[in-house]
Structure formats: C-alpha cells, structure tokens
C-alpha cells in the first residue's frame, strides 16, 4: 500500500501541473498561431487525462477478491496503463504529427514570440517540478538497479508511466523552443511545423515503450529473483519438507503475487502431517510478505519438476526466436 500511496502523490502532482500547463499552452497557441505550441497543449491535455486514468486504475485494482475474480482485480492497473499508452500514441502523437504536417504544407508565421517564450518557461518550471517528484519516487522504488533494469523489472507502471510522460514533455518543450526560435530567426515558419512533427515522434516512441512494458505486465510477469529466493528460504527450513524443487510466481498487480511451490515431503509423514505443513508454510509466507496473495503447494518429485521447467524453457526459447 505504501507504494501505491507514493504513486498517487506522483500522479496528483502530474495532473495539477499538466492541467495548468495545457490551459496556458492553448491560450498561447490561439494568441500566437504557433503549431508547436498547439502540439504541446494537446500533449499536456493528454497527460492530464492519462493521470486521471491511472488514478482510476489504482482505485479499480484495489478492490478485494470476489466470486467472479477470486484473485482480486490487481491487473486492472496494467490494463489502464496500456490504455494510457494507446492515448499517448493515438491522440498525443497523432494530433502533433498532423498539426506539424499541416503547418509545413501551409506555413504561417507565428506572432508574439515573447508570449511563447514566457509560456514555455512557465511550462518548463511546472513540468520540471512534476518530473522531479516522479524521479524521486522512481529512485526510491528502484533501489540499486539501473534505470533501464528498474523499468524492465518494475511491477508498478504508475510511477514509470508518469516519469516517461514528464521526460517526453520536457523534451517536447525544448523542441518547441528551438522550432519557434528557428522559424523566427530564419523566417521559415515550416520549422515550427517540423518541431511539431518531432514532438509527435517523441510521443510515439514514449507510447511504444509504455505499451511494451504494460503488455508484459498484463500478460503476467514472475516475481523478482530476490523475492523468489526469499520465499524459497522460508520454505526450506520446514521440518516436514525433504526438498524444495522449485517455485513459480506471477504478479496479478504491483502488490499481489500468486505463488506455486513444488515440494517433496519426507516419506514417513502422514497426510495429517503434510496438511499441517502446508498450512504452516502458507501462514509463514503470508506473515513474511504482505504482497503474497495466494500460495499453492504441489507434492511433486524432482524429476517431474525438472521436466516441467525444461518444457517452459523450451517455449521461452522458441518465443525469443520468433521475436528475433
């Protein structure tokens, strides 16, 4: 829950900042006729809507399990994160690219450059603040991992989504500044439209990254290696367990992990002993980690387990070969 609390703080900051920026940019675009400024206004408006969708996803994902969804609703957050990626691509990138092409084909000079520069400066301050909040939260969550590895391994898309969007926004502001300045200096209004096209390309790249990460989470990712080792260490010490063959995990949400264990019990243990052992292990794991939602334990020989892991490894290898 602490992670979600931090995520909401980042999202609230992004919503307020982006809404104020969007209104300011649209007014400036209408006043000056700048294509890049209009694209930036659309960009900020899309980011505002995306923040609201992420909040909605967090609320839906927090609902408890029911008969229809016995494992809870955690994956709703991953679904809405994917919707955010689609909006960034379809609306943000699409409108920016269209506006840029239109301005290149039908160039018109922007007026009141001072207004554009003031708006860009104020927007940079707002975006810089929300980016700093998102970066601080992301750093706290990533620990010792590098930024790329942290994004790839993260199970909470709400934090890195805001960070990606704010990074794209800062790059977009820089491009808008360069485009508006170049258009005025060289007296080539087409450069203003080119800046809008470049902003659209940045948004498209951001959307692809977000969609890739959200899709992987939506399909179901395993828990991080250190989490799996922590679970195995807790099970290995049980007096009724002869051998822990292995573990299979899947995230249903940032704080919801389903665990399946393959165990060999000692030969002289009765059915009652095994049942007591299973209950003991489930209780121990639930007490040790609040993010473990469900534990399944299957009595299984090591040979059977190795066959199953080999089959999974083969499918994984074939999948990577197909993608390559």
Foldseek 3Di string as FASTA:
>chain_A
DVLVVLLLVLLVLLLVLLVVLLVLLVVLCVQWVFLLSPLLSQLSVLSNVLSVLLVVQVVQQPDAADPVRNQGQQLSNLVSLLVSLVCLQCRNLVSLQVSLVVCLVVPDATPDVVSVVVSLVVSLVSLVVSLVSLVVSLCVQQDPDDPVVSLLQAQRLSSVLSNLSSVLSNVSSVLQVVQNVCCVVVVPRSSSSVSSNVSSVSSNVSSVSSNVSSVVLSVWDFHDPVLQVVLVVLLVPDPFFPDWLGKTWTDSHNLAIEIETETATDPPDDPVRVVVSVVVSVVSVCVVGVSYRYYHYDHDDNVVVVVVVVVVVVVVVVVVVVVD
